[in-house]
Structures are given as C-alpha cells and as structure tokens.
PDB file of N, CA and C in Angstrom:
ATOM      1  N   MET A   1      -2.774   2.503 -23.440  1.00  0.00           N
ATOM      2  CA  MET A   1      -2.518   3.851 -22.974  1.00  0.00           C
ATOM      3  C   MET A   1      -3.742   4.745 -23.166  1.00  0.00           C
ATOM      4  N   GLU A   2      -4.522   4.478 -24.213  1.00  0.00           N
ATOM      5  CA  GLU A   2      -5.704   5.295 -24.468  1.00  0.00           C
ATOM      6  C   GLU A   2      -6.736   5.135 -23.364  1.00  0.00           C
ATOM      7  N   VAL A   3      -6.812   3.924 -22.807  1.00  0.00           N
ATOM      8  CA  VAL A   3      -7.765   3.677 -21.729  1.00  0.00           C
ATOM      9  C   VAL A   3      -7.391   4.493 -20.494  1.00  0.00           C
ATOM     10  N   ILE A   4      -6.112   4.586 -20.215  1.00  0.00           N
ATOM     11  CA  ILE A   4      -5.659   5.357 -19.062  1.00  0.00           C
ATOM     12  C   ILE A   4      -5.978   6.831 -19.254  1.00  0.00           C
ATOM     13  N   ILE A   5      -5.754   7.340 -20.448  1.00  0.00           N
ATOM     14  CA  ILE A   5      -6.051   8.744 -20.717  1.00  0.00           C
ATOM     15  C   ILE A   5      -7.546   9.006 -20.574  1.00  0.00           C
ATOM     16  N   GLY A   6      -8.365   8.082 -21.071  1.00  0.00           N
ATOM     17  CA  GLY A   6      -9.817   8.227 -20.927  1.00  0.00           C
ATOM     18  C   GLY A   6     -10.253   8.193 -19.475  1.00  0.00           C
ATOM     19  N   THR A   7      -9.655   7.314 -18.687  1.00  0.00           N
ATOM     20  CA  THR A   7      -9.988   7.236 -17.265  1.00  0.00           C
ATOM     21  C   THR A   7      -9.581   8.521 -16.550  1.00  0.00           C
ATOM     22  N   CYS A   8      -8.423   9.047 -16.897  1.00  0.00           N
ATOM     23  CA  CYS A   8      -7.970  10.302 -16.281  1.00  0.00           C
ATOM     24  C   CYS A   8      -8.918  11.447 -16.626  1.00  0.00           C
ATOM     25  N   LEU A   9      -9.329  11.527 -17.874  1.00  0.00           N
ATOM     26  CA  LEU A   9     -10.252  12.598 -18.266  1.00  0.00           C
ATOM     27  C   LEU A   9     -11.601  12.449 -17.575  1.00  0.00           C
ATOM     28  N   SER A  10     -12.050  11.230 -17.402  1.00  0.00           N
ATOM     29  CA  SER A  10     -13.310  10.984 -16.694  1.00  0.00           C
ATOM     30  C   SER A  10     -13.196  11.405 -15.237  1.00  0.00           C
ATOM     31  N   ALA A  11     -12.079  11.075 -14.617  1.00  0.00           N
ATOM     32  CA  ALA A  11     -11.875  11.438 -13.214  1.00  0.00           C
ATOM     33  C   ALA A  11     -11.766  12.958 -13.064  1.00  0.00           C
ATOM     34  N   LEU A  12     -11.162  13.616 -14.039  1.00  0.00           N
ATOM     35  CA  LEU A  12     -11.043  15.072 -13.965  1.00  0.00           C
ATOM     36  C   LEU A  12     -12.404  15.744 -14.030  1.00  0.00           C
ATOM     37  N   SER A  13     -13.269  15.278 -14.916  1.00  0.00           N
ATOM     38  CA  SER A  13     -14.588  15.902 -15.013  1.00  0.00           C
ATOM     39  C   SER A  13     -15.381  15.695 -13.732  1.00  0.00           C
ATOM     40  N   THR A  14     -15.271  14.535 -13.132  1.00  0.00           N
ATOM     41  CA  THR A  14     -15.943  14.281 -11.859  1.00  0.00           C
ATOM     42  C   THR A  14     -15.369  15.173 -10.765  1.00  0.00           C
ATOM     43  N   GLY A  15     -14.083  15.310 -10.763  1.00  0.00           N
ATOM     44  CA  GLY A  15     -13.434  16.151  -9.759  1.00  0.00           C
ATOM     45  C   GLY A  15     -13.796  17.613  -9.898  1.00  0.00           C
ATOM     46  N   PHE A  16     -13.883  18.115 -11.132  1.00  0.00           N
ATOM     47  CA  PHE A  16     -14.253  19.521 -11.322  1.00  0.00           C
ATOM     48  C   PHE A  16     -15.697  19.779 -10.924  1.00  0.00           C
ATOM     49  N   GLY A  17     -16.574  18.809 -11.159  1.00  0.00           N
ATOM     50  CA  GLY A  17     -17.958  18.955 -10.718  1.00  0.00           C
ATOM     51  C   GLY A  17     -18.042  19.052  -9.204  1.00  0.00           C
ATOM     52  N   ALA A  18     -17.267  18.231  -8.518  1.00  0.00           N
ATOM     53  CA  ALA A  18     -17.245  18.280  -7.052  1.00  0.00           C
ATOM     54  C   ALA A  18     -16.599  19.572  -6.566  1.00  0.00           C
ATOM     55  N   LEU A  19     -15.634  20.072  -7.314  1.00  0.00           N
ATOM     56  CA  LEU A  19     -14.943  21.303  -6.937  1.00  0.00           C
ATOM     57  C   LEU A  19     -15.908  22.475  -6.879  1.00  0.00           C
ATOM     58  N   ILE A  20     -16.766  22.576  -7.853  1.00  0.00           N
ATOM     59  CA  ILE A  20     -17.708  23.692  -7.902  1.00  0.00           C
ATOM     60  C   ILE A  20     -18.675  23.633  -6.723  1.00  0.00           C
ATOM     61  N   ILE A  21     -19.158  22.459  -6.414  1.00  0.00           N
ATOM     62  CA  ILE A  21     -20.178  22.310  -5.367  1.00  0.00           C
ATOM     63  C   ILE A  21     -19.569  22.309  -3.968  1.00  0.00           C
ATOM     64  N   LEU A  22     -18.444  21.668  -3.802  1.00  0.00           N
ATOM     65  CA  LEU A  22     -17.930  21.385  -2.463  1.00  0.00           C
ATOM     66  C   LEU A  22     -16.701  22.193  -2.064  1.00  0.00           C
ATOM     67  N   PHE A  23     -16.426  23.262  -2.774  1.00  0.00           N
ATOM     68  CA  PHE A  23     -15.215  24.046  -2.496  1.00  0.00           C
ATOM     69  C   PHE A  23     -15.279  24.628  -1.084  1.00  0.00           C
ATOM     70  N   MET A  24     -14.156  24.692  -0.427  1.00  0.00           N
ATOM     71  CA  MET A  24     -14.005  25.246   0.922  1.00  0.00           C
ATOM     72  C   MET A  24     -14.658  24.367   1.998  1.00  0.00           C
ATOM     73  N   SER A  25     -14.590  23.067   1.858  1.00  0.00           N
ATOM     74  CA  SER A  25     -15.108  22.178   2.892  1.00  0.00           C
ATOM     75  C   SER A  25     -14.250  20.923   2.957  1.00  0.00           C
ATOM     76  N   ASN A  26     -14.504  20.089   3.927  1.00  0.00           N
ATOM     77  CA  ASN A  26     -13.793  18.814   4.050  1.00  0.00           C
ATOM     78  C   ASN A  26     -14.148  17.871   2.922  1.00  0.00           C
ATOM     79  N   ALA A  27     -15.360  17.988   2.405  1.00  0.00           N
ATOM     80  CA  ALA A  27     -15.803  17.101   1.341  1.00  0.00           C
ATOM     81  C   ALA A  27     -14.973  17.310   0.071  1.00  0.00           C
ATOM     82  N   PHE A  28     -14.430  18.516  -0.106  1.00  0.00           N
ATOM     83  CA  PHE A  28     -13.572  18.787  -1.265  1.00  0.00           C
ATOM     84  C   PHE A  28     -12.348  17.883  -1.245  1.00  0.00           C
ATOM     85  N   LEU A  29     -11.719  17.743  -0.097  1.00  0.00           N
ATOM     86  CA  LEU A  29     -10.535  16.877   0.019  1.00  0.00           C
ATOM     87  C   LEU A  29     -10.898  15.420  -0.240  1.00  0.00           C
ATOM     88  N   ILE A  30     -12.014  14.974   0.269  1.00  0.00           N
ATOM     89  CA  ILE A  30     -12.448  13.591   0.062  1.00  0.00           C
ATOM     90  C   ILE A  30     -12.724  13.335  -1.422  1.00  0.00           C
ATOM     91  N   ALA A  31     -13.399  14.272  -2.083  1.00  0.00           N
ATOM     92  CA  ALA A  31     -13.698  14.111  -3.507  1.00  0.00           C
ATOM     93  C   ALA A  31     -12.417  14.095  -4.337  1.00  0.00           C
ATOM     94  N   THR A  32     -11.453  14.908  -3.961  1.00  0.00           N
ATOM     95  CA  THR A  32     -10.176  14.938  -4.675  1.00  0.00           C
ATOM     96  C   THR A  32      -9.441  13.610  -4.524  1.00  0.00           C
ATOM     97  N   MET A  33      -9.446  13.052  -3.334  1.00  0.00           N
ATOM     98  CA  MET A  33      -8.742  11.790  -3.114  1.00  0.00           C
ATOM     99  C   MET A  33      -9.424  10.628  -3.833  1.00  0.00           C
ATOM    100  N   THR A  34     -10.753  10.635  -3.938  1.00  0.00           N
ATOM    101  CA  THR A  34     -11.412   9.548  -4.664  1.00  0.00           C
ATOM    102  C   THR A  34     -11.080   9.613  -6.148  1.00  0.00           C
ATOM    103  N   GLY A  35     -10.938  10.803  -6.696  1.00  0.00           N
ATOM    104  CA  GLY A  35     -10.534  10.933  -8.095  1.00  0.00           C
ATOM    105  C   GLY A  35      -9.087  10.515  -8.307  1.00  0.00           C
ATOM    106  N   ALA A  36      -8.228  10.817  -7.336  1.00  0.00           N
ATOM    107  CA  ALA A  36      -6.809  10.474  -7.459  1.00  0.00           C
ATOM    108  C   ALA A  36      -6.595   8.961  -7.396  1.00  0.00           C
ATOM    109  N   ILE A  37      -7.336   8.276  -6.545  1.00  0.00           N
ATOM    110  CA  ILE A  37      -7.148   6.825  -6.422  1.00  0.00           C
ATOM    111  C   ILE A  37      -7.611   6.115  -7.686  1.00  0.00           C
ATOM    112  N   GLU A  38      -8.569   6.716  -8.391  1.00  0.00           N
ATOM    113  CA  GLU A  38      -9.023   6.128  -9.654  1.00  0.00           C
ATOM    114  C   GLU A  38      -7.882   6.076 -10.674  1.00  0.00           C
ATOM    115  N   ILE A  39      -7.115   7.134 -10.745  1.00  0.00           N
ATOM    116  CA  ILE A  39      -5.991   7.202 -11.686  1.00  0.00           C
ATOM    117  C   ILE A  39      -4.906   6.203 -11.293  1.00  0.00           C
ATOM    118  N   VAL A  40      -4.598   6.137 -10.010  1.00  0.00           N
ATOM    119  CA  VAL A  40      -3.552   5.217  -9.536  1.00  0.00           C
ATOM    120  C   VAL A  40      -3.951   3.765  -9.805  1.00  0.00           C
ATOM    121  N   MET A  41      -5.185   3.414  -9.518  1.00  0.00           N
ATOM    122  CA  MET A  41      -5.628   2.037  -9.746  1.00  0.00           C
ATOM    123  C   MET A  41      -5.719   1.708 -11.233  1.00  0.00           C
ATOM    124  N   GLY A  42      -6.036   2.684 -12.065  1.00  0.00           N
ATOM    125  CA  GLY A  42      -6.024   2.460 -13.507  1.00  0.00           C
ATOM    126  C   GLY A  42      -4.630   2.123 -14.002  1.00  0.00           C
ATOM    127  N   LEU A  43      -3.636   2.843 -13.506  1.00  0.00           N
ATOM    128  CA  LEU A  43      -2.244   2.555 -13.881  1.00  0.00           C
ATOM    129  C   LEU A  43      -1.800   1.192 -13.353  1.00  0.00           C
ATOM    130  N   LEU A  44      -2.203   0.861 -12.137  1.00  0.00           N
ATOM    131  CA  LEU A  44      -1.854  -0.439 -11.569  1.00  0.00           C
ATOM    132  C   LEU A  44      -2.483  -1.575 -12.365  1.00  0.00           C
ATOM    133  N   GLY A  45      -3.755  -1.407 -12.749  1.00  0.00           N
ATOM    134  CA  GLY A  45      -4.415  -2.428 -13.560  1.00  0.00           C
ATOM    135  C   GLY A  45      -3.750  -2.612 -14.909  1.00  0.00           C
ATOM    136  N   PHE A  46      -3.349  -1.502 -15.521  1.00  0.00           N
ATOM    137  CA  PHE A  46      -2.649  -1.567 -16.807  1.00  0.00           C
ATOM    138  C   PHE A  46      -1.326  -2.325 -16.658  1.00  0.00           C
ATOM    139  N   TYR A  47      -0.611  -2.081 -15.571  1.00  0.00           N
ATOM    140  CA  TYR A  47       0.664  -2.748 -15.322  1.00  0.00           C
ATOM    141  C   TYR A  47       0.465  -4.248 -15.061  1.00  0.00           C
ATOM    142  N   LEU A  48      -0.542  -4.588 -14.272  1.00  0.00           N
ATOM    143  CA  LEU A  48      -0.750  -5.996 -13.919  1.00  0.00           C
ATOM    144  C   LEU A  48      -1.244  -6.838 -15.091  1.00  0.00           C
ATOM    145  N   THR A  49      -1.980  -6.239 -16.025  1.00  0.00           N
ATOM    146  CA  THR A  49      -2.453  -7.027 -17.160  1.00  0.00           C
ATOM    147  C   THR A  49      -1.320  -7.448 -18.080  1.00  0.00           C
ATOM    148  N   SER A  50      -0.171  -6.820 -17.971  1.00  0.00           N
ATOM    149  CA  SER A  50       0.961  -7.267 -18.784  1.00  0.00           C
ATOM    150  C   SER A  50       1.478  -8.632 -18.307  1.00  0.00           C
ATOM    151  N   PHE A  51       1.204  -8.984 -17.050  1.00  0.00           N
ATOM    152  CA  PHE A  51       1.649 -10.271 -16.515  1.00  0.00           C
ATOM    153  C   PHE A  51       0.623 -11.378 -16.719  1.00  0.00           C
ATOM    154  N   VAL A  52      -0.648 -11.048 -16.684  1.00  0.00           N
ATOM    155  CA  VAL A  52      -1.704 -12.051 -16.808  1.00  0.00           C
ATOM    156  C   VAL A  52      -2.564 -11.760 -18.039  1.00  0.00           C
ATOM    157  N   TYR A  53      -1.906 -11.464 -19.138  1.00  0.00           N
ATOM    158  CA  TYR A  53      -2.609 -11.093 -20.360  1.00  0.00           C
ATOM    159  C   TYR A  53      -3.524 -12.211 -20.871  1.00  0.00           C
ATOM    160  N   PHE A  54      -3.220 -13.460 -20.556  1.00  0.00           N
ATOM    161  CA  PHE A  54      -4.039 -14.578 -21.026  1.00  0.00           C
ATOM    162  C   PHE A  54      -5.365 -14.669 -20.268  1.00  0.00           C
ATOM    163  N   LEU A  55      -5.495 -14.013 -19.120  1.00  0.00           N
ATOM    164  CA  LEU A  55      -6.741 -14.029 -18.359  1.00  0.00           C
ATOM    165  C   LEU A  55      -7.659 -12.851 -18.692  1.00  0.00           C
ATOM    166  N   VAL A  56      -7.160 -11.875 -19.430  1.00  0.00           N
ATOM    167  CA  VAL A  56      -7.942 -10.673 -19.728  1.00  0.00           C
ATOM    168  C   VAL A  56      -9.239 -10.992 -20.475  1.00  0.00           C
ATOM    169  N   PRO A  57      -9.250 -11.842 -21.507  1.00  0.00           N
ATOM    170  CA  PRO A  57     -10.529 -12.135 -22.174  1.00  0.00           C
ATOM    171  C   PRO A  57     -11.570 -12.755 -21.244  1.00  0.00           C
ATOM    172  N   TYR A  58     -11.132 -13.593 -20.321  1.00  0.00           N
ATOM    173  CA  TYR A  58     -12.073 -14.186 -19.378  1.00  0.00           C
ATOM    174  C   TYR A  58     -12.638 -13.127 -18.422  1.00  0.00           C
ATOM    175  N   GLY A  59     -11.798 -12.235 -17.987  1.00  0.00           N
ATOM    176  CA  GLY A  59     -12.262 -11.154 -17.115  1.00  0.00           C
ATOM    177  C   GLY A  59     -13.243 -10.235 -17.819  1.00  0.00           C
ATOM    178  N   LEU A  60     -12.971  -9.925 -19.076  1.00  0.00           N
ATOM    179  CA  LEU A  60     -13.886  -9.076 -19.850  1.00  0.00           C
ATOM    180  C   LEU A  60     -15.209  -9.787 -20.101  1.00  0.00           C
ATOM    181  N   ALA A  61     -15.154 -11.085 -20.369  1.00  0.00           N
ATOM    182  CA  ALA A  61     -16.387 -11.844 -20.579  1.00  0.00           C
ATOM    183  C   ALA A  61     -17.211 -11.898 -19.295  1.00  0.00           C
ATOM    184  N   PHE A  62     -16.555 -12.065 -18.162  1.00  0.00           N
ATOM    185  CA  PHE A  62     -17.258 -12.077 -16.884  1.00  0.00           C
ATOM    186  C   PHE A  62     -17.914 -10.726 -16.610  1.00  0.00           C
ATOM    187  N   ALA A  63     -17.187  -9.640 -16.889  1.00  0.00           N
ATOM    188  CA  ALA A  63     -17.735  -8.305 -16.673  1.00  0.00           C
ATOM    189  C   ALA A  63     -18.927  -8.051 -17.583  1.00  0.00           C
ATOM    190  N   ALA A  64     -18.839  -8.488 -18.834  1.00  0.00           N
ATOM    191  CA  ALA A  64     -19.966  -8.321 -19.758  1.00  0.00           C
ATOM    192  C   ALA A  64     -21.171  -9.116 -19.297  1.00  0.00           C
ATOM    193  N   GLY A  65     -20.959 -10.325 -18.837  1.00  0.00           N
ATOM    194  CA  GLY A  65     -22.060 -11.131 -18.323  1.00  0.00           C
ATOM    195  C   GLY A  65     -22.702 -10.513 -17.094  1.00  0.00           C
ATOM    196  N   ALA A  66     -21.884  -9.932 -16.218  1.00  0.00           N
ATOM    197  CA  ALA A  66     -22.432  -9.271 -15.020  1.00  0.00           C
ATOM    198  C   ALA A  66     -23.272  -8.059 -15.416  1.00  0.00           C
ATOM    199  N   MET A  67     -22.821  -7.299 -16.396  1.00  0.00           N
ATOM    200  CA  MET A  67     -23.584  -6.119 -16.836  1.00  0.00           C
ATOM    201  C   MET A  67     -24.907  -6.544 -17.461  1.00  0.00           C
ATOM    202  N   LEU A  68     -24.877  -7.592 -18.264  1.00  0.00           N
ATOM    203  CA  LEU A  68     -26.122  -8.071 -18.864  1.00  0.00           C
ATOM    204  C   LEU A  68     -27.076  -8.614 -17.799  1.00  0.00           C
ATOM    205  N   PHE A  69     -26.532  -9.263 -16.785  1.00  0.00           N
ATOM    206  CA  PHE A  69     -27.366  -9.774 -15.702  1.00  0.00           C
ATOM    207  C   PHE A  69     -28.068  -8.634 -14.963  1.00  0.00           C
ATOM    208  N   ILE A  70     -27.349  -7.536 -14.747  1.00  0.00           N
ATOM    209  CA  ILE A  70     -27.927  -6.379 -14.052  1.00  0.00           C
ATOM    210  C   ILE A  70     -29.003  -5.723 -14.911  1.00  0.00           C
ATOM    211  N   ILE A  71     -28.760  -5.609 -16.204  1.00  0.00           N
ATOM    212  CA  ILE A  71     -29.706  -4.920 -17.087  1.00  0.00           C
ATOM    213  C   ILE A  71     -30.985  -5.729 -17.269  1.00  0.00           C
ATOM    214  N   TYR A  72     -30.857  -7.043 -17.462  1.00  0.00           N
ATOM    215  CA  TYR A  72     -32.050  -7.854 -17.766  1.00  0.00           C
ATOM    216  C   TYR A  72     -32.475  -8.522 -16.530  1.00  0.00           C
TER     217      TYR A  72
END
C-alpha cells in the first residue's frame, strides 16, 4: 500500500507542475490524463501481483539488471 501512496504523490507533483505551465490549453487535459493512468496502472499492478507473487523476485531482478545495463 505504501508503494501506491508514493506513486500517487509522485503523479500529483508531476500533475501540479504541468498545471502551472499548461493551464487553459488542450495540453492540460493530456497531462492530467497521463497522471491519472499512472495511478490506475499502479493499482492494477498491485492487484495482479497477489496472483503471481512467486514471479515478483524474478521481475525485480530483471528490472535491476536492465537499469544496471543502461547505467554502465
């Protein structure tokens, strides 16, 4: 649950930054929807990991390896 709250707070800060710059335009609606889909997909991911909990360590290891590959 803490991860979801952190993702929501991250999406809110991104959305408020876009709000200041893009208010009163079409881009404001697009920025709002990209922040909203982040929250929905975070909740969906949290729900789906309850079914495939045994694959989570492999997914995290793959993600860590991809990040290290990009950095080095």
